[in-house]
């Protein structure tokens, strides 16, 4: 077998921002027909390295070489990167959902002119068939699943003769079948010699699809490894800079279910306009429970019903044994309920506000105009929670949009901790964030439970649910099909219940 040619070589890359050395002497090598994972905690330098490669940031020092070019290349804009055969597909789809698949594949490409729409659609159809992408050129992109939209973005990149394809968290919003389809497409591209940089926080996906792994930590290169020479425990240790066992001692913190019969929150026949079927639910003081099930099973809709984030159509609610009326999120907040939503960017952060301003939003709503938060108080609270949750930010006045995803999530968590909730709902709090931050959030959840806070925790990763939850509500087709606790809490039992359980709340 011949040695694969190098398509990308980054050597001695430096990038500094005011007060932050984002990259220090980082090397990265990508070969043709290789899937190469770029790993590290949030803030490790992954995004900065990719932005240097794609011309979003200009490097301070170092050199970049691309196959087919004599000597180092100078990438000063995304257009420069595109002209050199470097394409990126991001976690958030950046195409136009109101245009057709074909239009999205060729929009904005001034060097490619079609005689007419039929010519455009014919060429798109050939490429879609060649890559086995289940979409029609004439259909509106917004009618396609997220996975297919990702694939269309990849097809666009392929048709632009990309040598280097960067996939930035492409699987975070996909179900298992969609992930498999995406991986199949990646293997096709690999066989055609495309070098793929794969950024993900799903460790199992790295070991399923990647050939090599490069690990960054604190802006520096830890090392480059083949997948076979780096077991998962060693990968986590390399990312965290310490033994994984020191960070994952969660089982010792997890306690058995509270033995009290008193419920902090109790709902009967709760339903909303979003189609969640009427269900019963309760949670005790200091309990950590969770909703689990396949994508679309109704997990998020159920907790949105509890918080009244969607319009309530039926149901009775008791807080600490007393009947209450919760029809709006503000009602829920006044009754001591906090809610960290699944869609961090759409429903969580306000991107142009600072870390401090985002952090005090819920407390401001609760206090209203009668007891407003002073600037001095808000600064004191922000400083306190930045330290408590180890939020990495240049300052409390930094716009939250410039923080990593994991640190944005910590700011939203701080927002609710500031209200001192008795019941906190966390919907996918660790999605798309690094292993170290995941463990920090999991430990924080268990500490809150120790302090008597009730927590509902949702994650697409079953092992994570098992590491923190004392009781699991299993859902299928927007109804509850089982409730597991104690010895029943195992991955096998959960999967069996999802596949064939009898509906517990089939009203």
Protein backbone atom coordinates (compact mmCIF):
# COMPACT_ATOMS: atom_id res chain seq x y z
CA UNK A 1 0.00 0.00 0.00
CA UNK A 2 1.50 3.32 -1.07
CA UNK A 3 2.00 6.07 1.47
CA UNK A 4 -0.76 8.65 1.31
CA UNK A 5 0.15 12.14 0.14
CA UNK A 6 -0.18 15.06 2.54
CA UNK A 7 -2.94 17.48 1.45
CA UNK A 8 -2.58 19.91 4.38
CA UNK A 9 0.35 20.76 6.63
CA UNK A 10 0.08 23.46 9.31
CA UNK A 11 3.35 24.17 11.11
CA UNK A 12 4.10 26.32 14.15
CA UNK A 13 0.75 28.14 14.10
CA UNK A 14 0.41 31.00 16.58
CA UNK A 15 -2.69 33.12 17.20
CA UNK A 16 -3.16 35.57 20.04
CA UNK A 17 -6.16 37.69 21.04
CA UNK A 18 -6.09 40.43 23.69
CA UNK A 19 -5.16 38.64 26.91
CA UNK A 20 -5.47 35.15 25.37
CA UNK A 21 -2.86 32.96 23.64
CA UNK A 22 -5.32 30.91 21.59
CA UNK A 23 -2.73 28.87 19.65
CA UNK A 24 0.92 28.32 20.51
CA UNK A 25 3.22 26.50 18.07
CA UNK A 26 0.49 24.11 16.84
CA UNK A 27 1.17 21.56 14.08
CA UNK A 28 -1.51 19.68 12.16
CA UNK A 29 -1.17 17.28 9.23
CA UNK A 30 -3.92 15.83 7.03
CA UNK A 31 -3.42 13.19 4.33
CA UNK A 32 -5.53 12.42 1.28
CA UNK A 33 -8.33 9.95 1.93
CA UNK A 34 -8.02 10.34 5.69
CA UNK A 35 -10.63 11.12 8.35
CA UNK A 36 -8.79 12.97 11.09
CA UNK A 37 -10.46 13.90 14.40
CA UNK A 38 -9.52 17.24 15.97
CA UNK A 39 -10.16 16.83 19.70
CA UNK A 40 -9.91 18.93 22.84
CA UNK A 41 -11.97 20.67 25.48
CA UNK A 42 -13.90 23.84 24.70
CA UNK A 43 -11.27 26.56 24.65
CA UNK A 44 -8.51 24.12 23.64
CA UNK A 45 -7.99 25.92 20.32
CA UNK A 46 -9.90 23.69 17.87
CA UNK A 47 -12.18 26.44 16.56
CA UNK A 48 -9.34 28.95 16.35
CA UNK A 49 -7.20 26.52 14.35
CA UNK A 50 -10.08 25.90 11.93
CA UNK A 51 -10.75 29.64 11.63
CA UNK A 52 -7.08 30.24 10.81
CA UNK A 53 -7.28 27.51 8.16
CA UNK A 54 -10.48 28.94 6.67
CA UNK A 55 -9.37 32.58 6.68
CA UNK A 56 -11.74 33.80 9.38
CA UNK A 57 -8.69 34.63 11.55
CA UNK A 58 -5.24 35.52 10.21
CA UNK A 59 -2.41 33.64 11.91
CA UNK A 60 0.25 35.60 13.79
CA UNK A 61 3.02 33.14 12.88
CA UNK A 62 3.58 29.77 11.26
CA UNK A 63 2.98 28.40 7.79
CA UNK A 64 0.27 26.50 5.92
CA UNK A 65 0.95 24.28 2.92
CA UNK A 66 -1.74 22.86 0.62
CA UNK A 67 -1.07 20.09 -1.92
CA UNK A 68 -0.69 21.45 -5.44
CA UNK A 69 0.75 24.79 -4.35
CA UNK A 70 4.41 25.75 -4.45
CA UNK A 71 5.50 26.86 -1.02
CA UNK A 72 3.35 28.13 1.89
CA UNK A 73 -0.05 29.67 1.13
CA UNK A 74 -1.44 32.89 2.57
CA UNK A 75 -5.07 32.49 3.65
CA UNK A 76 -6.52 35.91 4.49
CA UNK A 77 -10.24 35.32 3.84
CA UNK A 78 -12.81 32.52 3.52
CA UNK A 79 -12.70 33.10 -0.25
CA UNK A 80 -8.95 32.42 -0.24
CA UNK A 81 -9.61 29.14 1.59
CA UNK A 82 -12.36 28.17 -0.85
CA UNK A 83 -10.10 28.90 -3.83
CA UNK A 84 -7.48 26.58 -2.29
CA UNK A 85 -10.00 23.73 -1.98
CA UNK A 86 -10.86 24.10 1.73
CA UNK A 87 -14.55 23.82 2.64
CA UNK A 88 -16.38 23.76 5.96
CA UNK A 89 -19.77 22.34 6.94
CA UNK A 90 -20.88 23.68 10.31
CA UNK A 91 -23.18 22.28 13.01
CA UNK A 92 -25.70 25.04 12.24
CA UNK A 93 -26.82 24.79 8.61
CA UNK A 94 -25.65 27.90 6.75
CA UNK A 95 -27.60 27.31 3.53
CA UNK A 96 -30.92 28.90 2.52
CA UNK A 97 -33.94 26.76 3.49
CA UNK A 98 -36.30 28.71 1.19
CA UNK A 99 -34.26 27.85 -1.93
CA UNK A 100 -34.15 24.50 -3.73
CA UNK A 101 -31.47 21.89 -3.19
CA UNK A 102 -29.90 22.72 -6.57
CA UNK A 103 -29.96 26.46 -5.93
CA UNK A 104 -28.22 25.94 -2.59
CA UNK A 105 -25.54 23.82 -4.24
CA UNK A 106 -24.60 26.53 -6.73
CA UNK A 107 -25.61 29.86 -5.21
CA UNK A 108 -22.88 32.47 -4.87
CA UNK A 109 -20.45 30.70 -7.18
CA UNK A 110 -19.66 33.42 -9.66
CA UNK A 111 -17.18 31.31 -11.62
CA UNK A 112 -19.86 28.78 -12.57
CA UNK A 113 -22.64 29.82 -14.91
CA UNK A 114 -25.56 27.66 -15.97
CA UNK A 115 -27.45 28.09 -19.22
CA UNK A 116 -30.75 27.55 -17.43
CA UNK A 117 -32.42 26.00 -14.39
CA UNK A 118 -32.69 22.60 -16.10
CA UNK A 119 -28.94 22.53 -16.61
CA UNK A 120 -28.40 23.39 -12.96
CA UNK A 121 -30.80 20.72 -11.74
CA UNK A 122 -29.32 18.10 -14.09
CA UNK A 123 -25.82 18.63 -12.72
CA UNK A 124 -27.15 18.63 -9.14
CA UNK A 125 -29.06 15.37 -9.78
CA UNK A 126 -25.90 13.67 -11.05
CA UNK A 127 -23.93 14.67 -7.97
CA UNK A 128 -26.70 13.73 -5.53
CA UNK A 129 -26.95 10.29 -7.17
CA UNK A 130 -23.17 9.87 -7.18
CA UNK A 131 -23.02 10.58 -3.43
CA UNK A 132 -26.24 8.62 -2.65
CA UNK A 133 -27.90 11.66 -1.08
CA UNK A 134 -31.70 11.15 -0.76
CA UNK A 135 -32.85 14.53 -2.09
CA UNK A 136 -34.31 15.92 -5.32
CA UNK A 137 -32.69 18.97 -6.96
CA UNK A 138 -36.02 20.79 -7.26
CA UNK A 139 -37.25 20.28 -3.69
CA UNK A 140 -37.04 23.10 -1.17
CA UNK A 141 -34.08 22.55 1.14
CA UNK A 142 -36.18 23.36 4.23
CA UNK A 143 -38.32 20.27 3.58
CA UNK A 144 -35.26 18.01 3.98
CA UNK A 145 -34.15 16.53 7.28
CA UNK A 146 -31.19 18.09 9.07
CA UNK A 147 -29.03 15.17 8.01
CA UNK A 148 -29.88 15.64 4.33
CA UNK A 149 -29.27 19.39 4.63
CA UNK A 150 -25.81 18.58 6.02
CA UNK A 151 -25.21 16.26 3.08
CA UNK A 152 -26.29 18.91 0.57
CA UNK A 153 -23.77 21.29 2.14
CA UNK A 154 -21.13 18.56 1.75
CA UNK A 155 -22.17 17.96 -1.88
CA UNK A 156 -21.74 21.68 -2.54
CA UNK A 157 -18.22 21.48 -1.12
CA UNK A 158 -17.38 18.37 -3.16
CA UNK A 159 -18.54 20.00 -6.39
CA UNK A 160 -16.17 22.88 -5.66
CA UNK A 161 -13.29 20.37 -5.85
CA UNK A 162 -12.47 20.55 -2.16
CA UNK A 163 -9.28 18.85 -1.04
CA UNK A 164 -9.91 19.49 2.64
CA UNK A 165 -13.40 19.12 4.10
CA UNK A 166 -13.99 20.34 7.67
CA UNK A 167 -17.03 18.86 9.44
CA UNK A 168 -17.70 20.85 12.62
CA UNK A 169 -20.04 18.92 14.97
CA UNK A 170 -22.12 17.62 12.05
CA UNK A 171 -23.87 14.87 14.05
CA UNK A 172 -25.00 16.77 17.16
CA UNK A 173 -28.63 17.11 15.96
CA UNK A 174 -28.94 13.81 14.07
CA UNK A 175 -30.48 10.51 15.10
CA UNK A 176 -28.59 7.21 14.82
CA UNK A 177 -29.81 6.36 11.31
CA UNK A 178 -28.93 9.82 10.02
CA UNK A 179 -25.47 9.57 11.58
CA UNK A 180 -24.89 6.25 9.81
CA UNK A 181 -25.93 7.78 6.49
CA UNK A 182 -23.54 10.69 7.04
CA UNK A 183 -20.71 8.28 7.92
CA UNK A 184 -21.39 6.35 4.72
CA UNK A 185 -21.03 9.58 2.74
CA UNK A 186 -17.78 10.37 4.58
CA UNK A 187 -16.40 6.95 3.58
CA UNK A 188 -17.32 7.63 -0.06
CA UNK A 189 -15.46 10.96 0.05
CA UNK A 190 -12.51 9.27 1.75
CA UNK A 191 -12.33 6.71 -1.07
CA UNK A 192 -12.16 9.62 -3.53
CA UNK A 193 -9.12 11.05 -1.75
CA UNK A 194 -10.76 13.91 0.15
CA UNK A 195 -9.07 14.69 3.47
CA UNK A 196 -11.68 15.19 6.21
CA UNK A 197 -11.19 17.05 9.50
CA UNK A 198 -13.88 15.77 11.88
CA UNK A 199 -14.70 17.79 14.99
CA UNK A 200 -17.03 16.11 17.47
CA UNK A 201 -17.58 15.56 21.17
CA UNK A 202 -18.99 12.04 20.64
CA UNK A 203 -16.05 9.78 21.48
CA UNK A 204 -17.69 6.64 20.13
CA UNK A 205 -18.06 8.30 16.70
CA UNK A 206 -14.35 9.11 16.63
CA UNK A 207 -13.50 5.44 17.10
CA UNK A 208 -16.11 4.35 14.57
CA UNK A 209 -15.11 6.50 11.62
CA UNK A 210 -11.68 8.16 12.14
CA UNK A 211 -8.16 7.11 11.15
CA UNK A 212 -6.18 9.59 13.25
CA UNK A 213 -6.68 11.90 16.21
CA UNK A 214 -4.95 15.20 16.99
CA UNK A 215 -5.46 16.50 20.54
CA UNK A 216 -5.15 20.15 21.57
CA UNK A 217 -5.15 21.49 25.12
CA UNK A 218 -4.95 25.12 26.23
CA UNK A 219 -3.97 26.22 22.74
CA UNK A 220 -1.07 23.76 22.47
CA UNK A 221 -0.55 20.49 20.63
CA UNK A 222 -0.71 17.45 22.92
CA UNK A 223 -0.06 14.95 20.15
CA UNK A 224 -1.12 13.19 16.97
CA UNK A 225 -2.15 9.52 17.24
CA UNK A 226 -3.62 6.71 15.19
CA UNK A 227 -6.98 5.60 16.53
CA UNK A 228 -5.60 2.16 17.39
CA UNK A 229 -2.83 3.52 19.62
CA UNK A 230 -5.07 5.79 21.70
CA UNK A 231 -7.68 4.01 23.89
CA UNK A 232 -10.63 6.12 25.07
CA UNK A 233 -9.34 6.51 28.63
CA UNK A 234 -6.01 7.81 27.32
CA UNK A 235 -7.79 10.16 24.92
CA UNK A 236 -9.79 11.67 27.78
CA UNK A 237 -6.62 11.98 29.85
CA UNK A 238 -4.85 13.72 26.96
CA UNK A 239 -7.73 16.18 26.55
CA UNK A 240 -8.04 16.95 30.26
CA UNK A 241 -4.36 16.88 31.20
CA UNK A 242 -5.01 14.56 34.12
CA UNK A 243 -6.05 11.00 34.76
CA UNK A 244 -9.62 10.41 33.65
CA UNK A 245 -10.36 8.53 36.86
CA UNK A 246 -9.79 11.75 38.82
CA UNK A 247 -12.53 13.47 36.83
CA UNK A 248 -15.13 10.73 36.51
CA UNK A 249 -15.73 9.81 40.11
CA UNK A 250 -19.44 10.41 39.65
CA UNK A 251 -20.75 7.10 40.93
CA UNK A 252 -19.58 7.91 44.45
CA UNK A 253 -21.60 11.14 44.35
CA UNK A 254 -24.79 9.49 43.08
CA UNK A 255 -27.24 8.64 45.86
CA UNK A 256 -30.28 6.34 45.97
CA UNK A 257 -33.77 7.73 45.38
CA UNK A 258 -35.12 9.91 48.21
CA UNK A 259 -37.41 7.84 50.45
CA UNK A 260 -39.91 10.63 51.09
CA UNK A 261 -43.45 10.43 49.69
CA UNK A 262 -43.64 14.21 49.26
CA UNK A 263 -43.31 15.61 45.75
CA UNK A 264 -41.79 19.00 44.97
CA UNK A 265 -43.63 19.00 41.64
CA UNK A 266 -46.57 16.85 40.58
CA UNK A 267 -48.61 16.99 37.36
CA UNK A 268 -51.68 15.06 36.26
CA UNK A 269 -52.95 14.84 32.64
CA UNK A 270 -50.48 17.51 31.48
CA UNK A 271 -50.59 18.29 27.73
CA UNK A 272 -49.71 21.11 25.32
CA UNK A 273 -50.43 22.35 21.79
CA UNK A 274 -47.19 20.74 20.63
CA UNK A 275 -48.73 17.29 20.58
CA UNK A 276 -47.36 15.77 23.77
CA UNK A 277 -49.99 13.30 25.02
CA UNK A 278 -51.51 13.87 28.48
CA UNK A 279 -49.08 12.48 31.04
CA UNK A 280 -48.55 12.23 34.80
CA UNK A 281 -45.22 13.18 36.32
CA UNK A 282 -43.68 13.90 39.72
CA UNK A 283 -40.29 14.56 41.25
CA UNK A 284 -39.17 14.49 44.89
CA UNK A 285 -36.86 16.86 46.75
CA UNK A 286 -33.22 16.16 45.88
CA UNK A 287 -34.11 13.65 43.15
CA UNK A 288 -32.38 13.54 39.77
CA UNK A 289 -34.60 11.96 37.16
CA UNK A 290 -34.66 12.07 33.40
CA UNK A 291 -36.72 11.59 30.25
CA UNK A 292 -35.18 9.25 27.70
CA UNK A 293 -36.22 7.93 24.29
CA UNK A 294 -35.36 8.27 20.63
CA UNK A 295 -35.25 11.62 18.86
CA UNK A 296 -38.86 12.78 18.43
CA UNK A 297 -40.15 10.62 21.30
CA UNK A 298 -41.45 13.66 23.19
CA UNK A 299 -38.68 14.20 25.74
CA UNK A 300 -38.25 17.91 25.11
CA UNK A 301 -41.97 18.51 24.60
CA UNK A 302 -42.66 16.97 28.02
CA UNK A 303 -40.28 19.22 29.93
CA UNK A 304 -41.45 22.23 27.94
CA UNK A 305 -44.94 21.35 29.18
CA UNK A 306 -43.69 21.30 32.78
CA UNK A 307 -42.20 24.78 32.33
CA UNK A 308 -45.23 25.98 30.27
CA UNK A 309 -42.88 26.94 27.43
CA UNK A 310 -45.62 25.70 25.06
CA UNK A 311 -49.31 26.53 25.50
CA UNK A 312 -50.92 24.22 28.07
CA UNK A 313 -54.14 22.52 26.92
CA UNK A 314 -54.87 20.38 29.97
CA UNK A 315 -53.51 19.29 33.33
CA UNK A 316 -53.36 19.97 37.04
CA UNK A 317 -50.16 20.89 38.87
CA UNK A 318 -49.15 20.78 42.52
CA UNK A 319 -46.05 22.39 44.02
CA UNK A 320 -45.09 21.01 47.43
CA UNK A 321 -48.55 19.47 47.69
CA UNK A 322 -50.48 22.67 46.93
CA UNK A 323 -52.54 23.28 43.79
CA UNK A 324 -51.01 25.95 41.57
CA UNK A 325 -51.76 27.35 38.12
CA UNK A 326 -48.81 27.33 35.72
CA UNK A 327 -49.73 28.58 32.26
CA UNK A 328 -46.64 30.68 31.43
CA UNK A 329 -42.90 30.37 32.02
CA UNK A 330 -43.11 33.26 34.46
CA UNK A 331 -45.65 31.25 36.53
CA UNK A 332 -43.17 28.36 36.56
CA UNK A 333 -40.32 30.64 37.61
CA UNK A 334 -42.38 32.15 40.44
CA UNK A 335 -42.95 28.60 41.68
CA UNK A 336 -39.22 27.88 41.81
CA UNK A 337 -38.79 26.10 38.46
CA UNK A 338 -35.83 26.79 36.16
CA UNK A 339 -35.40 25.53 32.60
CA UNK A 340 -32.27 25.26 30.46
CA UNK A 341 -33.60 24.67 26.92
CA UNK A 342 -32.37 22.21 24.32
CA UNK A 343 -31.70 24.92 21.71
CA UNK A 344 -28.92 26.91 23.37
CA UNK A 345 -28.59 29.50 20.59
CA UNK A 346 -32.27 29.84 19.68
CA UNK A 347 -33.88 29.77 23.14
CA UNK A 348 -31.00 30.24 25.58
CA UNK A 349 -28.49 32.99 24.98
CA UNK A 350 -29.01 36.52 23.68
CA UNK A 351 -25.92 36.68 21.52
CA UNK A 352 -25.18 40.41 21.54
CA UNK A 353 -25.53 40.79 25.31
CA UNK A 354 -22.60 40.32 27.65
CA UNK A 355 -21.94 37.34 29.91
CA UNK A 356 -23.14 39.42 32.88
CA UNK A 357 -26.33 40.59 31.14
CA UNK A 358 -27.21 37.05 30.01
CA UNK A 359 -26.57 35.71 33.49
CA UNK A 360 -29.00 38.01 35.34
CA UNK A 361 -31.94 37.78 32.90
CA UNK A 362 -34.08 35.31 34.86
CA UNK A 363 -33.46 37.08 38.17
CA UNK A 364 -34.48 40.38 36.59
CA UNK A 365 -37.73 38.84 35.34
CA UNK A 366 -38.53 37.50 38.82
CA UNK A 367 -37.80 40.80 40.56
CA UNK A 368 -39.57 42.94 37.98
CA UNK A 369 -39.62 46.69 38.50
CA UNK A 370 -40.16 46.54 42.25
CA UNK A 371 -36.66 45.40 43.16
CA UNK A 372 -34.37 45.90 40.13
CA UNK A 373 -30.81 44.60 40.11
CA UNK A 374 -28.22 47.34 40.45
CA UNK A 375 -25.10 47.38 38.28
CA UNK A 376 -22.93 46.75 41.34
CA UNK A 377 -25.02 43.75 42.40
CA UNK A 378 -25.06 42.28 38.89
CA UNK A 379 -21.28 42.62 38.64
CA UNK A 380 -20.82 40.93 42.01
CA UNK A 381 -23.13 38.05 41.05
CA UNK A 382 -21.42 37.62 37.67
CA UNK A 383 -17.98 37.48 39.28
CA UNK A 384 -19.21 34.96 41.84
CA UNK A 385 -20.72 32.54 39.32
CA UNK A 386 -17.92 32.90 36.76
CA UNK A 387 -15.62 31.67 39.53
CA UNK A 388 -18.04 29.03 40.84
CA UNK A 389 -18.65 27.41 37.44
CA UNK A 390 -15.14 28.09 36.09
CA UNK A 391 -16.48 30.00 33.08
CA UNK A 392 -13.69 30.84 30.64
CA UNK A 393 -14.26 34.41 29.49
CA UNK A 394 -12.02 37.43 29.01
CA UNK A 395 -14.36 39.40 31.29
CA UNK A 396 -17.94 39.50 32.52
CA UNK A 397 -18.62 42.18 29.88
CA UNK A 398 -17.50 39.96 26.98
CA UNK A 399 -20.37 39.31 24.49
CA UNK A 400 -21.60 35.79 25.14
CA UNK A 401 -21.48 34.96 21.42
CA UNK A 402 -17.66 34.98 21.57
CA UNK A 403 -17.57 32.23 24.23
CA UNK A 404 -17.26 28.53 23.42
CA UNK A 405 -20.44 26.45 23.46
CA UNK A 406 -19.58 24.86 26.79
CA UNK A 407 -18.98 28.21 28.45
CA UNK A 408 -22.21 29.60 27.00
CA UNK A 409 -23.99 26.64 28.57
CA UNK A 410 -22.40 27.40 31.93
CA UNK A 411 -23.66 31.00 31.71
CA UNK A 412 -27.23 29.75 31.17
CA UNK A 413 -26.83 27.34 34.08
CA UNK A 414 -25.62 30.25 36.23
CA UNK A 415 -28.70 32.22 35.13
CA UNK A 416 -30.96 29.67 36.77
CA UNK A 417 -28.77 29.03 39.80
CA UNK A 418 -29.05 32.76 40.56
CA UNK A 419 -32.81 32.29 41.07
CA UNK A 420 -32.19 29.53 43.67
CA UNK A 421 -34.70 27.11 42.08
CA UNK A 422 -36.21 24.21 43.98
CA UNK A 423 -36.67 22.33 40.68
CA UNK A 424 -34.31 22.66 37.71
CA UNK A 425 -34.90 21.19 34.23
CA UNK A 426 -31.81 20.65 32.08
CA UNK A 427 -32.54 19.64 28.47
CA UNK A 428 -29.37 18.44 26.68
CA UNK A 429 -27.10 20.57 28.91
CA UNK A 430 -23.95 18.84 27.63
CA UNK A 431 -24.70 18.56 23.91
CA UNK A 432 -21.82 19.69 21.74
CA UNK A 433 -19.44 20.45 24.60
CA UNK A 434 -16.17 18.89 25.64
CA UNK A 435 -15.63 15.97 28.01
CA UNK A 436 -14.20 18.10 30.82
CA UNK A 437 -17.13 20.53 30.81
CA UNK A 438 -19.56 17.62 30.62
CA UNK A 439 -18.10 16.16 33.78
CA UNK A 440 -18.21 19.57 35.50
CA UNK A 441 -21.91 19.95 34.68
CA UNK A 442 -22.69 16.38 35.78
CA UNK A 443 -20.93 16.98 39.10
CA UNK A 444 -22.81 20.27 39.53
CA UNK A 445 -26.11 18.43 39.00
CA UNK A 446 -25.24 15.91 41.73
CA UNK A 447 -24.11 18.69 44.09
CA UNK A 448 -27.44 20.48 43.56
CA UNK A 449 -29.27 17.25 44.41
CA UNK A 450 -27.21 16.95 47.61
CA UNK A 451 -28.39 20.46 48.50
CA UNK A 452 -32.04 19.42 48.03
CA UNK A 453 -32.65 20.77 44.52
CA UNK A 454 -34.75 18.49 42.30
CA UNK A 455 -33.34 18.05 38.78
CA UNK A 456 -34.75 16.62 35.55
CA UNK A 457 -31.85 15.79 33.22
CA UNK A 458 -32.15 14.96 29.51
CA UNK A 459 -29.33 13.69 27.32
CA UNK A 460 -29.18 11.80 24.03
CA UNK A 461 -26.31 9.80 25.51
CA UNK A 462 -27.72 6.99 27.64
CA UNK A 463 -24.45 6.38 29.56
CA UNK A 464 -24.58 10.00 30.68
CA UNK A 465 -28.18 9.61 31.89
CA UNK A 466 -27.19 6.50 33.81
CA UNK A 467 -24.29 8.34 35.47
CA UNK A 468 -26.50 11.00 37.08
CA UNK A 469 -30.15 9.89 37.13
CA UNK A 470 -31.82 7.90 39.92
CA UNK A 471 -35.01 7.34 37.92
CA UNK A 472 -35.73 7.37 34.18
CA UNK A 473 -39.01 8.00 32.40
CA UNK A 474 -38.87 6.21 29.03
CA UNK A 475 -40.81 7.70 26.10
CA UNK A 476 -41.89 6.52 22.67
CA UNK A 477 -44.21 8.27 20.20
CA UNK A 478 -44.78 11.16 22.62
CA UNK A 479 -46.06 8.99 25.44
CA UNK A 480 -44.51 7.40 28.51
CA UNK A 481 -43.85 3.68 28.02
CA UNK A 482 -41.94 2.89 31.19
CA UNK A 483 -40.33 4.07 34.40
CA UNK A 484 -37.00 2.59 35.50
CA UNK A 485 -35.09 2.81 38.76
CA UNK A 486 -32.67 0.80 40.89
CA UNK A 487 -31.43 -2.38 39.21
CA UNK A 488 -33.54 -1.59 36.12
CA UNK A 489 -31.21 1.29 35.24
CA UNK A 490 -29.12 -0.32 32.51
CA UNK A 491 -28.61 0.42 28.85
CA UNK A 492 -30.09 -2.93 27.79
CA UNK A 493 -33.30 -2.44 29.80
CA UNK A 494 -33.69 1.12 28.52
CA UNK A 495 -33.36 0.00 24.88
CA UNK A 496 -35.77 -2.88 25.40
CA UNK A 497 -38.30 -0.53 27.00
CA UNK A 498 -37.98 1.98 24.15
CA UNK A 499 -38.44 -0.80 21.61
CA UNK A 500 -41.41 -2.61 23.11
CA UNK A 501 -42.62 -1.18 26.40
CA UNK A 502 -46.28 -0.83 27.22
CA UNK A 503 -47.45 2.77 27.53
CA UNK A 504 -47.75 3.72 31.18
CA UNK A 505 -49.63 6.97 30.55
CA UNK A 506 -51.61 6.07 27.43
CA UNK A 507 -54.68 8.11 28.24
